[in-house]
Amino acid sequence: MSPAPFPYKLVATDLDGTLLRGDETVSERTRDALAAATAAGAAHIVVTGRAVPWTRHILDDLGYDGLAVCGQGAQVYHAGEHRLLTSVTLDRQLAGLALSKIEAEVGPLLLAASRDGLDGDVLIGEGYRVQEGPLPYVPMKDPADLWAAPLNKVYIQHPTLDDDELATVARAMVGNLVDVVMAGAGIVEILPLGLSKATGLSLAARRLGVRGADTIAFGDMPNDIPMFGWAAHGVAMANAHDELKAVAHEITASNENDGIAVVLEHLLRG
């Protein structure tokens, strides 16, 4: 008997903590599983919080030439054409008001920001803690530089509050002005209200003629929750945040142990 047809038309994968291992590589096993899924008729879309400039080199290394959703849903990027198809920017006046309200509650914040565009810089303010790695950024010498050009998002940190505490407080203070998401260790973001990975993914999927009902999604952080809500089936990695595991349909192995491949191989076997 031939194996059952692959049950999804779209495989949506987060990058960090999901598709990528800790060294920012993708295993051969996972590459092979994704290739087999696409050969079986499914499209693969990367859906990441990283803006295009921090994503492009990974997609090029993978030989990925399809659509990618970047910047937490703000950008739909055509990797094969190296072209930005859509981009949503953060209202800088609203963002400034939101920061003022949060700081009035918890005190001074440490700030960074992602500028819009294919080559938009990531600005890092004084004291902002940057994770070790190869991703480029520009030190922000003057706080006014934060608002000097269109932004996709602002990153916030606090000297004493942890990520979950900061995100909870910020959401309570400014959730009617902007969206606040926790996207990883040390990464709490202020986004345009209503923007999420789900909104960006739905735009990209529409271009492919695919619906949420046709989609399986993989992720590891609370910013993946809207994507899981949009997709028919959400798979959390073993290393995922508890908030995402609580809404996942399935929990697979970790990103270091080919969790995406484990699920796809099972589906391909029928």
Protein backbone atom coordinates (compact mmCIF):
# COMPACT_ATOMS: atom_id res chain seq x y z
CA MET A 1 0.00 0.00 0.00
CA SER A 2 1.22 3.49 -0.76
CA PRO A 3 1.50 5.91 2.19
CA ALA A 4 -1.41 8.19 2.95
CA PRO A 5 -1.23 11.66 1.34
CA PHE A 6 0.43 14.34 3.45
CA PRO A 7 -2.45 15.91 5.41
CA TYR A 8 -1.38 19.57 5.28
CA LYS A 9 -0.79 22.03 2.45
CA LEU A 10 1.38 24.34 4.56
CA VAL A 11 4.11 23.78 7.14
CA ALA A 12 4.83 26.96 9.13
CA THR A 13 7.97 26.96 11.27
CA ASP A 14 9.38 29.46 13.70
CA LEU A 15 13.17 29.89 13.51
CA ASP A 16 14.89 30.35 16.88
CA GLY A 17 14.32 27.50 19.29
CA THR A 18 12.30 25.64 16.66
CA LEU A 19 13.83 25.16 13.20
CA LEU A 20 17.28 26.37 14.25
CA ARG A 21 19.52 24.59 16.69
CA GLY A 22 21.47 26.62 19.24
CA ASP A 23 24.32 27.15 16.77
CA GLU A 24 21.87 28.65 14.21
CA THR A 25 22.06 25.63 11.90
CA VAL A 26 19.36 23.26 10.63
CA SER A 27 20.11 19.54 10.86
CA GLU A 28 20.23 17.36 7.76
CA ARG A 29 17.40 15.27 9.18
CA THR A 30 15.14 18.30 9.50
CA ARG A 31 16.13 19.58 6.05
CA ASP A 32 15.30 16.17 4.57
CA ALA A 33 11.92 16.02 6.36
CA LEU A 34 10.93 19.47 5.11
CA ALA A 35 12.07 18.57 1.60
CA ALA A 36 9.95 15.41 1.72
CA ALA A 37 6.92 17.39 2.94
CA THR A 38 7.29 19.89 0.10
CA ALA A 39 7.76 17.04 -2.39
CA ALA A 40 4.46 15.66 -1.05
CA GLY A 41 2.75 18.93 -1.97
CA ALA A 42 3.06 21.12 1.14
CA ALA A 43 4.56 24.60 1.07
CA HIS A 44 7.01 25.60 3.81
CA ILE A 45 6.92 29.10 5.27
CA VAL A 46 9.35 30.40 7.86
CA VAL A 47 7.55 32.60 10.40
CA THR A 48 9.96 34.48 12.66
CA GLY A 49 10.17 37.41 15.03
CA ARG A 50 13.42 38.41 13.35
CA ALA A 51 13.21 41.20 10.81
CA VAL A 52 14.41 40.48 7.27
CA PRO A 53 18.02 41.67 7.77
CA TRP A 54 18.44 39.14 10.62
CA THR A 55 16.70 36.34 8.65
CA ARG A 56 17.98 36.64 5.10
CA HIS A 57 21.35 34.89 5.62
CA ILE A 58 19.68 31.86 7.19
CA LEU A 59 17.19 31.51 4.34
CA ASP A 60 19.98 31.84 1.79
CA ASP A 61 21.98 29.13 3.58
CA LEU A 62 18.96 26.82 3.47
CA GLY A 63 18.48 27.45 -0.22
CA TYR A 64 15.01 28.69 0.74
CA ASP A 65 13.33 30.60 -2.09
CA GLY A 66 9.71 30.86 -0.93
CA LEU A 67 7.85 33.33 1.24
CA ALA A 68 8.93 34.15 4.78
CA VAL A 69 7.02 36.04 7.45
CA CYS A 70 9.45 38.22 9.39
CA GLY A 71 9.40 40.90 12.07
CA GLN A 72 6.69 39.20 14.16
CA GLY A 73 4.30 39.32 11.22
CA ALA A 74 5.20 42.83 10.05
CA GLN A 75 7.01 41.75 6.89
CA VAL A 76 6.22 39.26 4.13
CA TYR A 77 9.49 38.61 2.29
CA HIS A 78 10.09 36.75 -0.98
CA ALA A 79 13.37 34.95 -0.31
CA GLY A 80 13.94 33.84 -3.90
CA GLU A 81 13.59 37.37 -5.24
CA HIS A 82 15.12 39.09 -2.17
CA ARG A 83 12.11 41.37 -2.19
CA LEU A 84 9.90 42.79 0.56
CA LEU A 85 6.26 42.24 -0.43
CA THR A 86 4.50 43.85 2.54
CA SER A 87 5.66 45.77 5.58
CA VAL A 88 3.81 47.20 8.59
CA THR A 89 5.43 49.90 10.70
CA LEU A 90 4.93 50.94 14.30
CA ASP A 91 3.31 54.32 14.95
CA ARG A 92 6.19 56.11 16.64
CA GLN A 93 3.98 58.52 18.57
CA LEU A 94 1.97 55.65 20.01
CA ALA A 95 5.15 53.75 20.80
CA GLY A 96 6.59 56.75 22.63
CA LEU A 97 3.38 57.14 24.63
CA ALA A 98 3.42 53.42 25.45
CA LEU A 99 7.00 53.59 26.70
CA SER A 100 6.14 56.59 28.88
CA LYS A 101 3.21 54.75 30.45
CA ILE A 102 5.27 51.62 31.14
CA GLU A 103 8.13 53.64 32.63
CA ALA A 104 5.70 55.54 34.83
CA GLU A 105 4.75 52.17 36.33
CA VAL A 106 8.08 50.30 36.53
CA GLY A 107 10.81 52.92 36.07
CA PRO A 108 13.37 53.35 33.28
CA LEU A 109 13.53 50.73 30.56
CA LEU A 110 16.45 49.52 28.46
CA LEU A 111 15.61 49.98 24.78
CA ALA A 112 16.40 48.69 21.31
CA ALA A 113 14.53 48.94 18.02
CA SER A 114 14.28 47.35 14.59
CA ARG A 115 14.13 49.78 11.68
CA ASP A 116 11.95 48.99 8.69
CA GLY A 117 13.21 47.80 5.32
CA LEU A 118 15.35 45.14 3.68
CA ASP A 119 18.46 46.62 5.26
CA GLY A 120 16.95 48.18 8.37
CA ASP A 121 19.38 48.45 11.28
CA VAL A 122 18.74 47.12 14.75
CA LEU A 123 19.56 49.91 17.19
CA ILE A 124 20.76 48.99 20.67
CA GLY A 125 20.51 51.53 23.50
CA GLU A 126 22.83 51.90 26.45
CA GLY A 127 22.59 49.00 28.88
CA TYR A 128 20.41 46.83 26.64
CA ARG A 129 21.58 43.22 27.01
CA VAL A 130 22.39 41.64 23.65
CA GLN A 131 22.64 37.87 23.24
CA GLU A 132 25.93 36.52 22.02
CA GLY A 133 25.95 35.76 18.32
CA PRO A 134 26.69 37.00 14.81
CA LEU A 135 23.66 39.25 14.29
CA PRO A 136 24.67 42.83 13.47
CA TYR A 137 23.43 45.87 15.37
CA VAL A 138 24.21 49.57 15.70
CA PRO A 139 24.85 51.17 19.12
CA MET A 140 22.41 54.02 19.75
CA LYS A 141 24.44 57.02 20.90
CA ASP A 142 21.55 59.50 21.11
CA PRO A 143 18.11 58.41 22.44
CA ALA A 144 16.51 60.57 19.74
CA ASP A 145 17.92 58.16 17.13
CA LEU A 146 15.25 55.67 18.22
CA TRP A 147 12.58 57.76 16.48
CA ALA A 148 14.58 59.01 13.48
CA ALA A 149 13.27 56.47 10.93
CA PRO A 150 10.30 54.08 10.53
CA LEU A 151 10.34 51.09 12.90
CA ASN A 152 8.83 47.62 12.88
CA LYS A 153 9.15 47.21 16.64
CA VAL A 154 10.76 48.38 19.87
CA TYR A 155 12.46 45.97 22.26
CA ILE A 156 12.25 46.59 26.00
CA GLN A 157 14.15 45.20 28.99
CA HIS A 158 14.03 46.06 32.68
CA PRO A 159 16.90 46.07 35.19
CA THR A 160 15.09 43.80 37.67
CA LEU A 161 11.84 42.43 36.20
CA ASP A 162 12.13 39.15 34.29
CA ASP A 163 10.70 38.77 30.78
CA ASP A 164 7.34 37.35 31.80
CA GLU A 165 6.85 39.97 34.53
CA LEU A 166 7.78 42.82 32.20
CA ALA A 167 5.50 41.56 29.42
CA THR A 168 2.59 41.16 31.84
CA VAL A 169 2.97 44.64 33.31
CA ALA A 170 3.49 46.27 29.92
CA ARG A 171 0.46 44.53 28.44
CA ALA A 172 -1.70 45.66 31.34
CA MET A 173 -0.52 49.28 30.99
CA VAL A 174 -0.56 49.74 27.20
CA GLY A 175 -2.45 46.80 25.67
CA ASN A 176 -5.01 49.21 24.23
CA LEU A 177 -2.30 51.15 22.36
CA VAL A 178 0.17 48.52 21.13
CA ASP A 179 0.73 44.79 21.29
CA VAL A 180 3.33 43.40 23.70
CA VAL A 181 4.87 39.97 23.15
CA MET A 182 7.55 37.85 24.77
CA ALA A 183 9.54 36.30 21.94
CA GLY A 184 12.51 34.73 23.70
CA ALA A 185 14.99 35.14 26.51
CA GLY A 186 15.50 38.88 27.05
CA ILE A 187 13.18 39.71 24.15
CA VAL A 188 9.99 41.61 25.02
CA GLU A 189 8.66 43.56 22.07
CA ILE A 190 6.27 46.43 21.41
CA LEU A 191 4.41 45.98 18.11
CA PRO A 192 1.61 47.66 16.16
CA LEU A 193 -1.74 46.86 17.72
CA GLY A 194 -3.29 43.77 16.13
CA LEU A 195 -0.05 42.60 14.52
CA SER A 196 1.02 39.01 15.13
CA LYS A 197 2.61 36.05 13.43
CA ALA A 198 -0.93 34.96 12.59
CA THR A 199 -1.73 38.14 10.65
CA GLY A 200 1.51 37.93 8.67
CA LEU A 201 1.12 34.21 8.04
CA SER A 202 -2.47 34.62 6.85
CA LEU A 203 -1.29 37.20 4.29
CA ALA A 204 1.47 34.93 3.03
CA ALA A 205 -0.83 31.90 2.96
CA ARG A 206 -3.42 33.82 0.97
CA ARG A 207 -0.80 34.41 -1.72
CA LEU A 208 -0.37 30.64 -1.91
CA GLY A 209 -4.08 29.89 -1.86
CA VAL A 210 -3.79 28.10 1.47
CA ARG A 211 -5.95 28.43 4.62
CA GLY A 212 -5.34 27.97 8.31
CA ALA A 213 -7.32 24.74 8.12
CA ASP A 214 -4.60 23.40 5.80
CA THR A 215 -1.69 24.36 8.09
CA ILE A 216 0.54 22.72 10.69
CA ALA A 217 2.64 25.18 12.72
CA PHE A 218 5.73 24.67 14.90
CA GLY A 219 6.95 27.08 17.60
CA ASP A 220 8.47 27.56 21.02
CA MET A 221 7.51 30.94 22.52
CA PRO A 222 4.38 32.91 23.55
CA ASN A 223 4.62 34.99 20.37
CA ASP A 224 3.70 31.77 18.52
CA ILE A 225 0.33 31.51 20.30
CA PRO A 226 -1.61 33.51 17.65
CA MET A 227 -0.06 31.35 14.91
CA PHE A 228 -1.23 28.21 16.74
CA GLY A 229 -4.70 29.73 16.98
CA TRP A 230 -4.77 30.32 13.22
CA ALA A 231 -3.38 26.94 12.16
CA ALA A 232 -5.26 23.66 12.24
CA HIS A 233 -2.54 21.99 14.30
CA GLY A 234 0.04 23.64 16.57
CA VAL A 235 3.15 21.73 17.65
CA ALA A 236 5.26 23.02 20.54
CA MET A 237 8.88 22.01 20.92
CA ALA A 238 9.97 20.22 24.09
CA ASN A 239 11.97 23.35 24.96
CA ALA A 240 8.91 25.61 24.49
CA HIS A 241 7.59 28.14 26.98
CA ASP A 242 4.84 26.78 29.23
CA GLU A 243 2.30 29.28 27.84
CA LEU A 244 2.72 27.84 24.34
CA LYS A 245 2.67 24.24 25.53
CA ALA A 246 -0.65 24.96 27.24
CA VAL A 247 -2.34 25.75 23.91
CA ALA A 248 -0.47 23.30 21.66
CA HIS A 249 -2.19 20.31 20.10
CA GLU A 250 1.03 18.33 20.36
CA ILE A 251 4.47 18.53 21.97
CA THR A 252 7.43 17.14 20.05
CA ALA A 253 11.15 16.76 20.74
CA SER A 254 13.35 19.83 21.22
CA ASN A 255 14.93 21.90 18.49
CA GLU A 256 18.25 20.22 19.31
CA ASN A 257 16.66 16.79 18.76
CA ASP A 258 14.92 17.29 15.42
CA GLY A 259 11.44 17.91 16.83
CA ILE A 260 10.10 19.16 13.49
CA ALA A 261 11.44 16.11 11.66
CA VAL A 262 9.93 13.73 14.24
CA VAL A 263 6.43 15.03 13.49
CA LEU A 264 6.82 15.38 9.73
CA GLU A 265 8.31 11.89 9.34
CA HIS A 266 5.34 10.43 11.22
CA LEU A 267 2.89 12.32 8.99
CA LEU A 268 4.74 11.29 5.83
CA ARG A 269 4.55 7.64 6.85
CA GLY A 270 0.80 8.04 7.19
